[in-house]
N, C-alpha and C. Protein backbone atom coordinates (compact mmCIF):
# COMPACT_ATOMS: atom_id res chain seq x y z
N UNK A 1 0.46 -0.92 -0.22
CA UNK A 1 -0.22 0.42 -0.14
C UNK A 1 0.59 0.94 -0.05
N UNK A 2 0.22 2.68 -0.65
CA UNK A 2 0.44 3.72 -0.74
C UNK A 2 0.77 4.39 0.25
N UNK A 3 1.98 5.39 0.97
CA UNK A 3 2.15 6.07 2.66
C UNK A 3 0.83 7.18 2.08
N UNK A 4 -0.26 6.71 2.46
CA UNK A 4 -0.71 7.77 2.67
C UNK A 4 -0.74 9.15 4.02
N UNK A 5 -1.87 10.54 3.39
CA UNK A 5 -0.92 11.49 4.01
C UNK A 5 -2.66 11.99 4.26
N UNK A 6 -2.25 13.05 4.80
CA UNK A 6 -3.54 13.17 6.10
C UNK A 6 -3.72 15.11 4.35
N UNK A 7 -4.80 15.75 4.97
CA UNK A 7 -5.19 16.38 4.19
C UNK A 7 -5.63 17.17 4.27
N UNK A 8 -5.86 18.77 4.66
CA UNK A 8 -7.78 19.28 4.80
C UNK A 8 -8.71 18.86 2.78
N UNK A 9 -9.53 19.26 3.87
CA UNK A 9 -10.45 18.47 2.27
C UNK A 9 -11.36 20.35 1.70
N UNK A 10 -11.28 19.77 0.27
CA UNK A 10 -11.04 20.96 -0.62
C UNK A 10 -12.91 20.81 -0.97
N UNK A 11 -13.16 22.10 -0.60
CA UNK A 11 -14.57 22.23 -1.65
C UNK A 11 -15.53 21.72 -2.55
N UNK A 12 -14.44 21.07 -3.19
CA UNK A 12 -14.84 20.43 -4.34
C UNK A 12 -15.22 19.10 -4.36
N UNK A 13 -14.14 18.62 -3.33
CA UNK A 13 -14.68 16.97 -2.37
C UNK A 13 -16.12 17.06 -1.53
N UNK A 14 -16.44 18.01 -1.48
CA UNK A 14 -17.97 17.38 -0.43
C UNK A 14 -18.79 16.51 -1.22
N UNK A 15 -18.60 15.95 -2.21
CA UNK A 15 -19.24 14.12 -2.60
C UNK A 15 -18.85 13.57 -1.46
N UNK A 16 -17.38 13.11 -1.65
CA UNK A 16 -16.29 12.33 -0.62
C UNK A 16 -16.89 12.82 0.66
N UNK A 17 -16.33 13.99 0.97
CA UNK A 17 -16.93 14.01 2.62
C UNK A 17 -18.60 13.40 3.47
N UNK A 18 -19.22 13.72 2.30
CA UNK A 18 -20.83 13.39 2.84
C UNK A 18 -20.76 11.64 2.81
N UNK A 19 -19.99 10.88 1.00
CA UNK A 19 -19.94 9.45 1.56
C UNK A 19 -18.85 8.89 3.15
N UNK A 20 -17.98 9.94 3.20
CA UNK A 20 -17.29 9.21 4.65
C UNK A 20 -18.35 9.31 6.11
N UNK A 21 -18.93 10.72 5.66
CA UNK A 21 -19.74 11.03 6.40
C UNK A 21 -20.90 9.74 6.81
N UNK A 22 -21.99 9.34 5.77
CA UNK A 22 -22.18 8.64 5.89
C UNK A 22 -21.30 6.82 6.66
N UNK A 23 -20.70 6.66 6.49
CA UNK A 23 -20.23 4.85 6.99
C UNK A 23 -20.11 5.08 7.78
N UNK A 24 -19.80 6.22 8.70
CA UNK A 24 -19.29 6.82 9.98
C UNK A 24 -20.19 6.95 10.40
N UNK A 25 -21.18 7.36 10.46
CA UNK A 25 -22.84 7.25 11.12
C UNK A 25 -23.28 5.47 11.91
N UNK A 26 -23.13 5.20 10.22
CA UNK A 26 -23.81 4.00 9.62
C UNK A 26 -22.84 2.73 10.92
N UNK A 27 -21.54 3.42 10.31
CA UNK A 27 -20.58 2.30 11.78
C UNK A 27 -20.67 2.52 12.23
N UNK A 28 -21.21 3.78 13.17
CA UNK A 28 -20.67 4.19 15.12
C UNK A 28 -21.68 5.19 15.25
N UNK A 29 -23.01 5.52 14.97
CA UNK A 29 -23.86 5.79 15.48
C UNK A 29 -23.54 6.64 16.66
N UNK A 30 -23.59 5.92 18.05
CA UNK A 30 -22.36 6.05 19.42
C UNK A 30 -21.70 7.41 19.52
N UNK A 31 -21.28 7.39 18.29
CA UNK A 31 -20.13 7.88 18.54
C UNK A 31 -20.43 9.90 18.03
N UNK A 32 -21.50 9.74 17.17
CA UNK A 32 -22.43 11.10 16.38
C UNK A 32 -22.55 12.02 17.18
N UNK A 33 -23.26 13.13 17.13
CA UNK A 33 -23.69 13.78 17.41
C UNK A 33 -25.32 13.86 16.33
N UNK A 34 -25.24 13.50 15.58
CA UNK A 34 -26.40 14.66 14.51
C UNK A 34 -26.95 12.73 13.92
N UNK A 35 -27.54 12.27 12.46
CA UNK A 35 -28.46 11.18 12.47
C UNK A 35 -28.18 10.51 11.07
N UNK A 36 -28.34 9.21 11.28
CA UNK A 36 -28.17 9.78 9.46
C UNK A 36 -28.87 10.43 8.58
N UNK A 37 -30.38 10.26 8.80
CA UNK A 37 -31.21 11.22 8.20
C UNK A 37 -30.62 13.06 8.18
N UNK A 38 -30.63 13.32 9.82
CA UNK A 38 -29.74 14.17 8.76
C UNK A 38 -28.71 14.13 8.69
N UNK A 39 -27.45 13.52 7.52
CA UNK A 39 -26.91 13.72 7.27
C UNK A 39 -27.52 13.44 6.41
N UNK A 40 -27.84 12.31 5.63
CA UNK A 40 -29.04 12.33 4.26
C UNK A 40 -29.31 13.62 3.87
N UNK A 41 -29.64 14.40 4.90
CA UNK A 41 -30.82 15.06 3.99
C UNK A 41 -30.24 16.99 3.63
N UNK A 42 -28.68 16.60 4.33
CA UNK A 42 -27.51 17.75 3.54
C UNK A 42 -27.31 18.08 2.22
N UNK A 43 -27.73 19.06 1.72
CA UNK A 43 -27.70 19.82 0.45
C UNK A 43 -26.71 20.13 0.37
N UNK A 44 -26.28 20.05 -0.55
CA UNK A 44 -24.43 20.96 -0.73
C UNK A 44 -24.63 21.91 -0.94
N UNK A 45 -24.60 22.79 -0.39
CA UNK A 45 -24.35 23.73 -0.48
C UNK A 45 -24.47 24.05 0.88
N UNK A 46 -25.42 22.73 2.09
CA UNK A 46 -24.39 22.52 3.15
C UNK A 46 -23.34 22.19 3.71
N UNK A 47 -23.13 20.52 2.69
CA UNK A 47 -22.07 19.94 2.61
C UNK A 47 -20.55 20.64 2.12
N UNK A 48 -20.59 21.66 1.30
CA UNK A 48 -19.73 23.01 1.46
C UNK A 48 -19.46 23.86 2.37
N UNK A 49 -20.49 24.61 2.75
CA UNK A 49 -20.33 24.72 4.33
C UNK A 49 -19.62 24.56 5.43
N UNK A 50 -20.52 23.28 5.85
CA UNK A 50 -18.87 22.50 7.07
C UNK A 50 -17.53 22.20 6.25
N UNK A 51 -17.95 21.62 4.71
CA UNK A 51 -15.70 21.80 4.71
C UNK A 51 -15.31 23.49 5.67
N UNK A 52 -15.06 24.48 5.56
CA UNK A 52 -14.46 25.43 5.94
C UNK A 52 -14.21 25.37 8.13
N UNK A 53 -14.78 24.25 8.20
CA UNK A 53 -14.74 24.20 9.16
C UNK A 53 -13.75 23.05 9.80
N UNK A 54 -12.38 23.04 8.51
CA UNK A 54 -11.38 22.91 8.97
C UNK A 54 -11.57 21.00 8.92
N UNK A 55 -11.86 20.13 8.40
CA UNK A 55 -11.93 18.70 7.93
C UNK A 55 -10.63 18.53 7.00
N UNK A 56 -10.30 16.96 8.15
CA UNK A 56 -8.37 16.45 7.82
C UNK A 56 -9.88 15.37 7.13
N UNK A 57 -8.69 14.69 6.54
CA UNK A 57 -9.42 13.39 5.77
C UNK A 57 -7.27 12.72 5.42
N UNK A 58 -7.28 11.45 5.17
CA UNK A 58 -6.44 10.21 4.46
C UNK A 58 -7.21 9.41 3.41
N UNK A 59 -7.17 10.21 2.47
CA UNK A 59 -7.55 9.47 1.60
C UNK A 59 -6.81 8.39 0.50
N UNK A 60 -8.19 7.61 -0.13
CA UNK A 60 -6.72 5.83 -0.63
C UNK A 60 -7.75 5.57 -2.00
N UNK A 61 -7.21 5.95 -2.89
CA UNK A 61 -7.77 5.28 -4.54
C UNK A 61 -9.28 6.33 -4.39
N UNK A 62 -8.84 7.02 -4.56
CA UNK A 62 -9.88 8.73 -4.76
C UNK A 62 -10.90 8.77 -3.36
N UNK A 63 -10.76 7.79 -2.59
CA UNK A 63 -12.01 7.92 -1.66
C UNK A 63 -11.13 8.03 -0.31
N UNK A 64 -12.11 8.83 0.56
CA UNK A 64 -12.12 9.28 1.85
C UNK A 64 -12.03 7.85 2.78
N UNK A 65 -11.22 7.80 3.59
CA UNK A 65 -11.20 6.21 4.84
C UNK A 65 -10.64 6.79 6.11
N UNK A 66 -10.44 7.84 6.61
CA UNK A 66 -10.43 9.10 7.51
C UNK A 66 -10.29 9.97 7.09
N UNK A 67 -11.16 10.68 8.84
CA UNK A 67 -11.08 11.93 8.70
C UNK A 67 -11.40 11.85 9.69
N UNK A 68 -11.44 13.57 10.40
CA UNK A 68 -11.14 14.42 11.40
C UNK A 68 -11.13 16.24 11.59
N UNK A 69 -12.60 16.38 12.28
CA UNK A 69 -12.75 18.60 11.60
C UNK A 69 -11.60 18.79 13.23
N UNK A 70 -11.56 19.72 13.14
CA UNK A 70 -10.52 21.18 14.16
C UNK A 70 -12.10 21.76 13.82
N UNK A 71 -12.17 21.46 15.03
CA UNK A 71 -13.30 23.34 15.29
C UNK A 71 -12.90 24.67 15.55
N UNK A 72 -12.46 25.44 15.07
CA UNK A 72 -11.60 26.80 15.93
C UNK A 72 -12.44 27.11 17.08
N UNK A 73 -12.91 27.33 17.78
CA UNK A 73 -13.02 28.52 18.69
C UNK A 73 -14.07 27.65 18.58
N UNK A 74 -14.84 26.77 19.38
CA UNK A 74 -15.82 26.28 19.52
C UNK A 74 -16.28 27.04 21.23
N UNK A 75 -17.66 27.37 21.44
CA UNK A 75 -17.87 28.26 21.80
C UNK A 75 -18.00 28.00 23.77
N UNK A 76 -18.23 26.22 23.79
CA UNK A 76 -17.59 25.52 25.43
C UNK A 76 -16.48 25.67 25.38
N UNK A 77 -15.94 24.42 23.77
CA UNK A 77 -14.51 24.39 24.21
C UNK A 77 -13.01 24.50 23.95
N UNK A 78 -13.51 25.58 22.99
CA UNK A 78 -12.27 26.47 22.64
C UNK A 78 -11.88 25.49 21.26
N UNK A 79 -10.64 25.62 20.97
CA UNK A 79 -9.91 24.76 19.93
C UNK A 79 -10.69 22.89 20.19
N UNK A 80 -11.56 22.59 18.58
CA UNK A 80 -11.88 21.65 19.45
C UNK A 80 -11.90 20.22 18.25
N UNK A 81 -11.42 19.63 18.58
CA UNK A 81 -11.84 17.90 17.21
C UNK A 81 -13.17 16.84 17.66
N UNK A 82 -14.16 16.84 16.41
CA UNK A 82 -14.85 15.80 16.00
C UNK A 82 -14.50 14.86 15.12
N UNK A 83 -16.05 14.44 15.80
CA UNK A 83 -15.38 13.52 13.60
C UNK A 83 -15.11 13.09 13.94
N UNK A 84 -14.45 12.50 14.25
CA UNK A 84 -12.94 11.00 14.56
C UNK A 84 -14.24 9.65 14.08
N UNK A 85 -13.42 9.38 12.75
CA UNK A 85 -13.71 8.19 12.01
C UNK A 85 -12.44 7.39 10.90
N UNK A 86 -12.21 6.28 11.45
CA UNK A 86 -11.56 5.00 10.00
C UNK A 86 -11.97 4.75 9.72
N UNK A 87 -12.51 4.38 8.03
CA UNK A 87 -12.83 2.96 7.63
C UNK A 87 -12.00 1.70 8.17
N UNK A 88 -13.39 1.00 8.57
CA UNK A 88 -12.72 -0.37 9.52
C UNK A 88 -11.64 -0.91 8.92
N UNK A 89 -11.37 -1.23 7.07
CA UNK A 89 -10.12 -2.11 7.18
C UNK A 89 -9.06 -1.04 7.03
N UNK A 90 -8.90 0.32 7.60
CA UNK A 90 -7.48 1.05 7.69
C UNK A 90 -7.36 1.05 8.47
N UNK A 91 -8.13 0.69 10.05
CA UNK A 91 -7.75 1.05 11.16
C UNK A 91 -6.49 -0.21 11.69
N UNK A 92 -6.09 0.75 13.15
CA UNK A 92 -4.72 -0.12 13.35
C UNK A 92 -3.44 0.39 12.40
N UNK A 93 -3.02 1.54 11.53
CA UNK A 93 -2.68 1.79 10.10
C UNK A 93 -2.04 3.07 10.66
N UNK A 94 -2.00 3.70 12.06
CA UNK A 94 -1.72 5.00 11.92
C UNK A 94 -1.96 6.15 10.97
N UNK A 95 -4.06 6.26 10.56
CA UNK A 95 -4.33 7.28 9.92
C UNK A 95 -3.92 8.42 10.45
N UNK A 96 -5.27 7.76 12.26
CA UNK A 96 -6.00 8.80 13.43
C UNK A 96 -4.38 9.55 13.36
N UNK A 97 -2.78 9.21 13.27
CA UNK A 97 -2.04 10.05 14.07
C UNK A 97 -1.64 10.72 12.65
N UNK A 98 -1.37 9.92 11.58
CA UNK A 98 -1.70 11.31 10.80
C UNK A 98 -2.52 12.55 10.61
N UNK A 99 -3.92 12.58 10.49
CA UNK A 99 -5.29 13.46 10.58
C UNK A 99 -4.67 14.69 12.04
N UNK A 100 -4.63 13.71 13.17
CA UNK A 100 -3.61 14.80 14.01
C UNK A 100 -2.99 15.41 14.72
N UNK A 101 -2.35 14.26 14.18
CA UNK A 101 -0.44 15.62 13.52
C UNK A 101 -0.89 16.77 12.62
N UNK A 102 -1.77 16.16 11.54
CA UNK A 102 -1.47 17.53 10.58
C UNK A 102 -2.53 18.60 11.55
N UNK A 103 -3.25 18.31 12.49
CA UNK A 103 -4.45 19.36 13.03
C UNK A 103 -3.51 19.42 13.73
N UNK A 104 -2.99 19.14 14.50
CA UNK A 104 -1.44 19.56 15.31
C UNK A 104 -0.97 20.82 14.94
N UNK A 105 -0.16 20.17 13.71
CA UNK A 105 0.56 21.60 12.75
C UNK A 105 0.27 22.60 12.91
N UNK A 106 -0.96 22.26 11.91
CA UNK A 106 -2.11 23.56 11.94
C UNK A 106 -2.18 24.17 13.15
N UNK A 107 -2.95 23.90 14.40
CA UNK A 107 -3.35 24.19 14.88
C UNK A 107 -2.39 24.90 16.03
N UNK A 108 -1.08 24.68 16.15
CA UNK A 108 -0.15 25.37 16.26
C UNK A 108 0.35 27.10 15.55
N UNK A 109 0.64 26.71 14.12
CA UNK A 109 0.36 27.97 13.23
C UNK A 109 -0.55 29.39 13.83
N UNK A 110 -1.54 28.11 14.00
CA UNK A 110 -2.88 29.44 14.36
C UNK A 110 -2.65 30.39 15.80
N UNK A 111 -1.74 29.62 16.46
CA UNK A 111 -1.48 30.17 18.20
C UNK A 111 -2.26 29.55 18.85
N UNK A 112 -2.55 28.27 18.75
CA UNK A 112 -2.96 27.33 19.19
C UNK A 112 -2.38 26.93 20.36
N UNK A 113 -2.72 26.67 21.38
CA UNK A 113 -2.51 25.91 22.64
C UNK A 113 -2.54 25.50 23.41
N UNK A 114 -4.52 25.13 23.09
CA UNK A 114 -4.90 23.64 23.98
C UNK A 114 -5.83 23.15 23.37
N UNK A 115 -6.18 21.76 22.41
CA UNK A 115 -6.42 21.08 22.58
C UNK A 115 -7.61 20.15 22.45
N UNK A 116 -9.36 20.23 22.47
CA UNK A 116 -9.75 19.22 23.55
C UNK A 116 -10.77 18.04 22.14
N UNK A 117 -11.41 16.97 22.33
CA UNK A 117 -12.20 16.30 22.13
C UNK A 117 -13.21 16.38 22.91
N UNK A 118 -14.20 15.35 22.48
CA UNK A 118 -15.17 14.43 23.64
C UNK A 118 -15.01 12.52 22.91
N UNK A 119 -14.79 11.49 24.01
CA UNK A 119 -14.99 10.32 23.30
C UNK A 119 -16.27 9.66 24.38
N UNK A 120 -16.56 8.84 23.78
CA UNK A 120 -17.45 7.68 24.33
C UNK A 120 -16.16 7.02 25.49
N UNK A 121 -16.86 7.56 26.65
CA UNK A 121 -16.13 5.92 27.63
C UNK A 121 -15.88 4.19 27.67
N UNK A 122 -17.01 4.46 26.21
CA UNK A 122 -16.89 2.84 26.43
C UNK A 122 -15.77 2.02 25.15
N UNK A 123 -15.42 3.68 23.71
CA UNK A 123 -14.83 3.24 23.39
C UNK A 123 -13.15 3.61 23.77
N UNK A 124 -13.44 1.82 24.77
CA UNK A 124 -11.50 1.75 24.51
C UNK A 124 -10.17 2.13 23.02
N UNK A 125 -10.55 1.70 22.62
CA UNK A 125 -9.98 1.66 22.00
C UNK A 125 -9.55 3.15 21.86
N UNK A 126 -10.51 4.11 21.13
CA UNK A 126 -9.99 5.08 21.27
C UNK A 126 -10.15 6.41 22.08
N UNK A 127 -10.09 5.93 23.40
CA UNK A 127 -9.45 6.82 24.26
C UNK A 127 -8.10 5.56 24.21
N UNK A 128 -8.10 5.64 24.48
CA UNK A 128 -6.15 4.63 24.41
C UNK A 128 -5.53 4.77 23.35
N UNK A 129 -6.22 5.48 22.12
CA UNK A 129 -5.76 5.83 20.89
C UNK A 129 -5.25 7.33 20.97
N UNK A 130 -6.55 8.18 21.57
CA UNK A 130 -5.67 9.60 21.99
C UNK A 130 -4.50 9.51 23.25
N UNK A 131 -5.02 9.14 24.30
CA UNK A 131 -4.25 8.87 25.12
C UNK A 131 -2.76 8.45 23.98
N UNK A 132 -2.31 7.71 23.57
CA UNK A 132 -1.23 7.27 23.06
C UNK A 132 -0.58 8.69 21.72
N UNK A 133 -1.75 10.56 21.87
CA UNK A 133 -1.45 11.33 21.58
C UNK A 133 -0.79 12.08 21.45
N UNK A 134 -1.17 12.29 23.50
CA UNK A 134 -1.06 12.57 24.54
C UNK A 134 -2.29 13.80 24.39
N UNK A 135 -3.44 13.30 25.16
CA UNK A 135 -4.00 13.47 25.50
C UNK A 135 -4.94 13.18 26.90
N UNK A 136 -4.96 14.00 27.59
CA UNK A 136 -5.81 13.34 29.11
C UNK A 136 -6.93 14.04 29.44
N UNK A 137 -7.58 13.04 29.76
CA UNK A 137 -8.70 13.21 30.38
C UNK A 137 -9.31 14.32 31.69
N UNK A 138 -9.61 15.14 31.08
CA UNK A 138 -10.01 15.85 31.44
C UNK A 138 -11.74 16.51 32.40
N UNK A 139 -12.55 15.12 32.32
CA UNK A 139 -13.19 15.77 32.40
C UNK A 139 -14.37 13.93 31.31
N UNK A 140 -16.21 14.18 32.58
CA UNK A 140 -16.78 13.90 32.37
C UNK A 140 -18.01 14.78 31.86
N UNK A 141 -18.58 13.68 31.22
CA UNK A 141 -20.22 14.65 30.44
C UNK A 141 -20.58 13.87 30.02
N UNK A 142 -22.21 13.87 31.53
CA UNK A 142 -22.87 11.87 31.59
C UNK A 142 -24.28 12.75 31.08
N UNK A 143 -24.31 11.99 29.97
CA UNK A 143 -25.49 11.28 29.45
C UNK A 143 -25.93 12.14 28.33
N UNK A 144 -24.69 12.12 27.15
CA UNK A 144 -24.73 13.04 26.64
C UNK A 144 -26.04 12.66 25.13
N UNK A 145 -26.42 12.54 24.09
CA UNK A 145 -27.41 12.65 23.44
C UNK A 145 -26.27 11.99 21.54
N UNK A 146 -26.76 10.29 20.96
CA UNK A 146 -25.65 10.45 20.00
C UNK A 146 -26.57 10.14 19.38
N UNK A 147 -26.38 10.12 17.91
CA UNK A 147 -27.15 10.14 16.64
C UNK A 147 -27.68 8.42 17.23
N UNK A 148 -27.06 7.55 17.59
CA UNK A 148 -28.28 6.91 17.86
C UNK A 148 -29.16 6.28 18.61
N UNK A 149 -29.42 7.90 19.52
CA UNK A 149 -30.70 8.27 19.65
C UNK A 149 -30.72 7.88 21.30
N UNK A 150 -29.11 7.50 21.68
CA UNK A 150 -29.54 7.35 23.08
C UNK A 150 -28.56 7.84 23.67
N UNK A 151 -28.13 7.38 25.84
CA UNK A 151 -27.14 9.05 26.24
C UNK A 151 -26.02 7.85 26.31
N UNK A 152 -24.83 8.38 26.10
CA UNK A 152 -23.71 8.51 26.18
C UNK A 152 -23.56 9.16 27.86
N UNK A 153 -21.70 8.20 28.53
CA UNK A 153 -20.76 8.90 28.97
C UNK A 153 -20.37 9.70 28.56
N UNK A 154 -19.40 10.30 28.36
CA UNK A 154 -17.66 10.85 27.37
C UNK A 154 -17.32 11.60 28.78
N UNK A 155 -15.69 11.24 28.12
CA UNK A 155 -14.83 11.86 28.06
C UNK A 155 -13.62 13.14 27.55
N UNK A 156 -14.61 14.67 27.62
CA UNK A 156 -14.10 15.39 27.53
C UNK A 156 -11.58 15.07 27.96
N UNK A 157 -10.82 15.12 26.61
CA UNK A 157 -9.72 15.21 26.83
C UNK A 157 -9.02 15.92 26.41
N UNK A 158 -7.94 16.34 26.91
CA UNK A 158 -7.35 17.67 26.27
C UNK A 158 -5.93 17.41 26.19
N UNK A 159 -5.15 18.21 25.73
CA UNK A 159 -3.63 17.83 24.84
C UNK A 159 -2.93 20.29 24.81
N UNK A 160 -1.97 20.11 25.68
CA UNK A 160 -1.50 20.72 25.30
C UNK A 160 -0.81 20.60 24.16
N UNK A 161 -0.94 21.83 23.97
CA UNK A 161 0.71 22.26 22.14
C UNK A 161 1.68 23.19 21.91
């Protein structure tokens, strides 16, 4: 397999973004705040608007296989990472590390000193992956409603850059 790299999504790649987000929600609805129905109902203009949120992906054979979004200046959490997902065929290959390293580089260049994320406390592989990237548990959010309509507890994790 060729060396895969992370890059920011271009506005003209909105349809590939829609594809990966749909696959992510079907695979892991407990990890996302929107439902499959909400995702499928978005228009092309809404997808293009969403791309302005600094979405990073890894692409293989013209298909996005991993993604993460850096939300600059979230009203509650400051600089914040959301929407992290990797296609099951690509897990364990270091793609999240590539995504996060690119986000960290860009965030540092923008003067960011701390970045945070939430993760379902039952997703131990994700929690450990974030710890390996230097995130530490800073708190717990109880009973957050996710895309599958159920309530989950989540860790707030933070990393100094």
